[in-house]
Amino acid sequence: MPYKRPFISAIVLTVFFYFSLVGFFAALFVFFTRQDMFSAAMMIGFGVGSVILWILSFLKRRDARCPLCKGTPLLDSAAHRHIHARRMFPLNYGTTAVLGSILRQKYTCQYCGTPFDLLKIPDKQAPASR
């Protein structure tokens, strides 16, 4: 992967979005059990934070493009999927690529089917072996 920065920033923002979503649902649960002002403020704060982080992560995932086919592998579109594209059942292809990037540092482009490793050093930057 020659340019990792858009992928790393998109993945980090998506992780923050997932954490804020978990915080929102936890604050929602606490609000329905305690019904105090602090839990309501936490619920509103996590809700607004989730919306902001979702917008930012969406924009960053849209900027992360496959180096081979120039598609957006971290987002779904109406384009035709490759036969080697991977998908976990309840999730779509873009979310599967994001989770694969988080957990394994690898993803498969859903449009060209090429596997990419985010930890691999590009050939032009690799140290010379003797």
C-alpha atoms as a PDB file:
ATOM      1  CA  MET A   1       0.000   0.000   0.000  1.00  0.00           C
ATOM      2  CA  PRO A   2       1.856   3.118  -1.165  1.00  0.00           C
ATOM      3  CA  TYR A   3      -0.260   5.776   0.616  1.00  0.00           C
ATOM      4  CA  LYS A   4      -1.618   4.612   3.968  1.00  0.00           C
ATOM      5  CA  ARG A   5      -2.461   7.963   5.569  1.00  0.00           C
ATOM      6  CA  PRO A   6      -6.065   8.255   4.239  1.00  0.00           C
ATOM      7  CA  PHE A   7      -6.800   4.691   5.344  1.00  0.00           C
ATOM      8  CA  ILE A   8      -5.290   5.126   8.805  1.00  0.00           C
ATOM      9  CA  SER A   9      -7.152   8.386   9.463  1.00  0.00           C
ATOM     10  CA  ALA A  10     -10.429   6.890   8.197  1.00  0.00           C
ATOM     11  CA  ILE A  11      -9.999   3.822  10.400  1.00  0.00           C
ATOM     12  CA  VAL A  12      -9.105   5.865  13.503  1.00  0.00           C
ATOM     13  CA  LEU A  13     -12.126   8.144  13.052  1.00  0.00           C
ATOM     14  CA  THR A  14     -14.362   5.127  12.514  1.00  0.00           C
ATOM     15  CA  VAL A  15     -13.081   3.525  15.722  1.00  0.00           C
ATOM     16  CA  PHE A  16     -13.835   6.750  17.608  1.00  0.00           C
ATOM     17  CA  PHE A  17     -17.318   6.743  16.051  1.00  0.00           C
ATOM     18  CA  TYR A  18     -17.916   3.154  17.211  1.00  0.00           C
ATOM     19  CA  PHE A  19     -16.790   4.035  20.742  1.00  0.00           C
ATOM     20  CA  SER A  20     -19.027   7.101  20.838  1.00  0.00           C
ATOM     21  CA  LEU A  21     -21.936   4.970  19.642  1.00  0.00           C
ATOM     22  CA  VAL A  22     -21.322   2.509  22.481  1.00  0.00           C
ATOM     23  CA  GLY A  23     -21.135   5.457  24.896  1.00  0.00           C
ATOM     24  CA  PHE A  24     -24.437   6.799  23.561  1.00  0.00           C
ATOM     25  CA  PHE A  25     -26.233   3.500  24.102  1.00  0.00           C
ATOM     26  CA  ALA A  26     -24.711   3.143  27.576  1.00  0.00           C
ATOM     27  CA  ALA A  27     -25.836   6.677  28.466  1.00  0.00           C
ATOM     28  CA  LEU A  28     -29.281   5.890  27.041  1.00  0.00           C
ATOM     29  CA  PHE A  29     -29.517   2.824  29.275  1.00  0.00           C
ATOM     30  CA  VAL A  30     -28.400   4.815  32.323  1.00  0.00           C
ATOM     31  CA  PHE A  31     -30.896   7.565  31.480  1.00  0.00           C
ATOM     32  CA  PHE A  32     -33.805   5.113  31.408  1.00  0.00           C
ATOM     33  CA  THR A  33     -32.754   3.509  34.695  1.00  0.00           C
ATOM     34  CA  ARG A  34     -31.863   6.657  36.708  1.00  0.00           C
ATOM     35  CA  GLN A  35     -33.556   9.519  34.828  1.00  0.00           C
ATOM     36  CA  ASP A  36     -31.325  12.302  36.097  1.00  0.00           C
ATOM     37  CA  MET A  37     -29.912  15.373  34.361  1.00  0.00           C
ATOM     38  CA  PHE A  38     -26.328  14.112  34.263  1.00  0.00           C
ATOM     39  CA  SER A  39     -27.248  10.997  32.291  1.00  0.00           C
ATOM     40  CA  ALA A  40     -29.402  13.114  29.958  1.00  0.00           C
ATOM     41  CA  ALA A  41     -26.452  15.444  29.333  1.00  0.00           C
ATOM     42  CA  MET A  42     -24.182  12.450  28.706  1.00  0.00           C
ATOM     43  CA  MET A  43     -26.709  10.983  26.283  1.00  0.00           C
ATOM     44  CA  ILE A  44     -26.998  14.262  24.358  1.00  0.00           C
ATOM     45  CA  GLY A  45     -23.218  14.731  24.340  1.00  0.00           C
ATOM     46  CA  PHE A  46     -22.533  11.226  23.055  1.00  0.00           C
ATOM     47  CA  GLY A  47     -25.341  11.591  20.504  1.00  0.00           C
ATOM     48  CA  VAL A  48     -23.940  14.843  19.103  1.00  0.00           C
ATOM     49  CA  GLY A  49     -20.414  13.408  19.202  1.00  0.00           C
ATOM     50  CA  SER A  50     -21.572  10.309  17.329  1.00  0.00           C
ATOM     51  CA  VAL A  51     -23.162  12.391  14.583  1.00  0.00           C
ATOM     52  CA  ILE A  52     -20.066  14.577  14.193  1.00  0.00           C
ATOM     53  CA  LEU A  53     -17.710  11.592  14.193  1.00  0.00           C
ATOM     54  CA  TRP A  54     -19.909   9.748  11.696  1.00  0.00           C
ATOM     55  CA  ILE A  55     -19.765  12.697   9.284  1.00  0.00           C
ATOM     56  CA  LEU A  56     -15.988  13.031   9.667  1.00  0.00           C
ATOM     57  CA  SER A  57     -15.400   9.292   9.290  1.00  0.00           C
ATOM     58  CA  PHE A  58     -17.680   9.190   6.234  1.00  0.00           C
ATOM     59  CA  LEU A  59     -15.708  11.969   4.571  1.00  0.00           C
ATOM     60  CA  LYS A  60     -12.381  10.289   5.391  1.00  0.00           C
ATOM     61  CA  ARG A  61     -13.589   6.864   4.212  1.00  0.00           C
ATOM     62  CA  ARG A  62     -14.681   8.494   0.966  1.00  0.00           C
ATOM     63  CA  ASP A  63     -11.170   9.923   0.509  1.00  0.00           C
ATOM     64  CA  ALA A  64      -9.496   6.536   1.041  1.00  0.00           C
ATOM     65  CA  ARG A  65      -9.214   5.097  -2.454  1.00  0.00           C
ATOM     66  CA  CYS A  66      -7.901   1.780  -3.712  1.00  0.00           C
ATOM     67  CA  PRO A  67      -4.491   2.301  -5.341  1.00  0.00           C
ATOM     68  CA  LEU A  68      -5.349  -0.120  -8.134  1.00  0.00           C
ATOM     69  CA  CYS A  69      -8.956   0.567  -9.196  1.00  0.00           C
ATOM     70  CA  LYS A  70      -9.499   3.977  -7.524  1.00  0.00           C
ATOM     71  CA  GLY A  71     -12.701   2.735  -5.870  1.00  0.00           C
ATOM     72  CA  THR A  72     -13.691   3.444  -2.267  1.00  0.00           C
ATOM     73  CA  PRO A  73     -13.263   0.096  -0.498  1.00  0.00           C
ATOM     74  CA  LEU A  74     -14.285   1.425   2.934  1.00  0.00           C
ATOM     75  CA  LEU A  75     -17.678   2.635   1.647  1.00  0.00           C
ATOM     76  CA  ASP A  76     -20.429   0.885  -0.248  1.00  0.00           C
ATOM     77  CA  SER A  77     -21.692   2.158  -3.574  1.00  0.00           C
ATOM     78  CA  ALA A  78     -23.867   0.814  -6.355  1.00  0.00           C
ATOM     79  CA  ALA A  79     -20.840  -0.461  -8.290  1.00  0.00           C
ATOM     80  CA  HIS A  80     -20.467  -4.143  -9.137  1.00  0.00           C
ATOM     81  CA  ARG A  81     -18.574  -6.186  -6.533  1.00  0.00           C
ATOM     82  CA  HIS A  82     -15.666  -8.453  -7.404  1.00  0.00           C
ATOM     83  CA  ILE A  83     -16.105 -12.195  -6.971  1.00  0.00           C
ATOM     84  CA  HIS A  84     -13.329 -12.249  -4.324  1.00  0.00           C
ATOM     85  CA  ALA A  85     -14.867  -9.463  -2.227  1.00  0.00           C
ATOM     86  CA  ARG A  86     -15.404 -10.500   1.379  1.00  0.00           C
ATOM     87  CA  ARG A  87     -18.386  -9.705   3.541  1.00  0.00           C
ATOM     88  CA  MET A  88     -19.426 -10.756   7.046  1.00  0.00           C
ATOM     89  CA  PHE A  89     -23.121 -11.665   7.010  1.00  0.00           C
ATOM     90  CA  PRO A  90     -24.957  -8.928   8.897  1.00  0.00           C
ATOM     91  CA  LEU A  91     -22.555  -6.211   7.715  1.00  0.00           C
ATOM     92  CA  ASN A  92     -22.018  -4.608   4.325  1.00  0.00           C
ATOM     93  CA  TYR A  93     -18.769  -4.755   2.343  1.00  0.00           C
ATOM     94  CA  GLY A  94     -17.472  -1.373   3.524  1.00  0.00           C
ATOM     95  CA  THR A  95     -17.992  -2.109   7.219  1.00  0.00           C
ATOM     96  CA  THR A  96     -16.383  -5.518   6.761  1.00  0.00           C
ATOM     97  CA  ALA A  97     -13.330  -3.841   5.192  1.00  0.00           C
ATOM     98  CA  VAL A  98     -13.140  -1.347   8.078  1.00  0.00           C
ATOM     99  CA  LEU A  99     -13.367  -4.086  10.718  1.00  0.00           C
ATOM    100  CA  GLY A 100     -10.811  -6.202   8.850  1.00  0.00           C
ATOM    101  CA  SER A 101      -8.491  -3.205   8.759  1.00  0.00           C
ATOM    102  CA  ILE A 102      -8.955  -2.631  12.486  1.00  0.00           C
ATOM    103  CA  LEU A 103      -8.471  -6.236  13.558  1.00  0.00           C
ATOM    104  CA  ARG A 104      -5.994  -7.640  11.016  1.00  0.00           C
ATOM    105  CA  GLN A 105      -4.501  -4.538   9.338  1.00  0.00           C
ATOM    106  CA  LYS A 106      -5.606  -6.058   6.010  1.00  0.00           C
ATOM    107  CA  TYR A 107      -8.540  -5.563   3.702  1.00  0.00           C
ATOM    108  CA  THR A 108      -9.715  -6.783   0.320  1.00  0.00           C
ATOM    109  CA  CYS A 109     -10.961  -4.203  -2.159  1.00  0.00           C
ATOM    110  CA  GLN A 110     -14.588  -4.953  -2.910  1.00  0.00           C
ATOM    111  CA  TYR A 111     -14.336  -3.630  -6.470  1.00  0.00           C
ATOM    112  CA  CYS A 112     -11.114  -5.182  -7.819  1.00  0.00           C
ATOM    113  CA  GLY A 113     -10.688  -8.054  -5.321  1.00  0.00           C
ATOM    114  CA  THR A 114      -7.074  -7.186  -4.519  1.00  0.00           C
ATOM    115  CA  PRO A 115      -5.931  -7.890  -0.943  1.00  0.00           C
ATOM    116  CA  PHE A 116      -3.960  -5.079   0.692  1.00  0.00           C
ATOM    117  CA  ASP A 117      -1.791  -5.159   3.806  1.00  0.00           C
ATOM    118  CA  LEU A 118      -1.541  -1.871   5.698  1.00  0.00           C
ATOM    119  CA  LEU A 119       1.621  -2.949   7.534  1.00  0.00           C
ATOM    120  CA  LYS A 120       3.594  -3.982   4.459  1.00  0.00           C
ATOM    121  CA  ILE A 121       6.320  -1.578   3.334  1.00  0.00           C
ATOM    122  CA  PRO A 122       5.979  -0.566  -0.344  1.00  0.00           C
ATOM    123  CA  ASP A 123       8.677  -1.957  -2.646  1.00  0.00           C
ATOM    124  CA  LYS A 124      10.190   1.436  -3.413  1.00  0.00           C
ATOM    125  CA  GLN A 125      10.738   2.079   0.311  1.00  0.00           C
ATOM    126  CA  ALA A 126      11.798  -1.424   1.288  1.00  0.00           C
ATOM    127  CA  PRO A 127      15.331  -1.807   2.553  1.00  0.00           C
ATOM    128  CA  ALA A 128      17.711  -3.440   0.084  1.00  0.00           C
ATOM    129  CA  SER A 129      18.369  -7.081   0.905  1.00  0.00           C
ATOM    130  CA  ARG A 130      21.710  -8.655   0.128  1.00  0.00           C
END
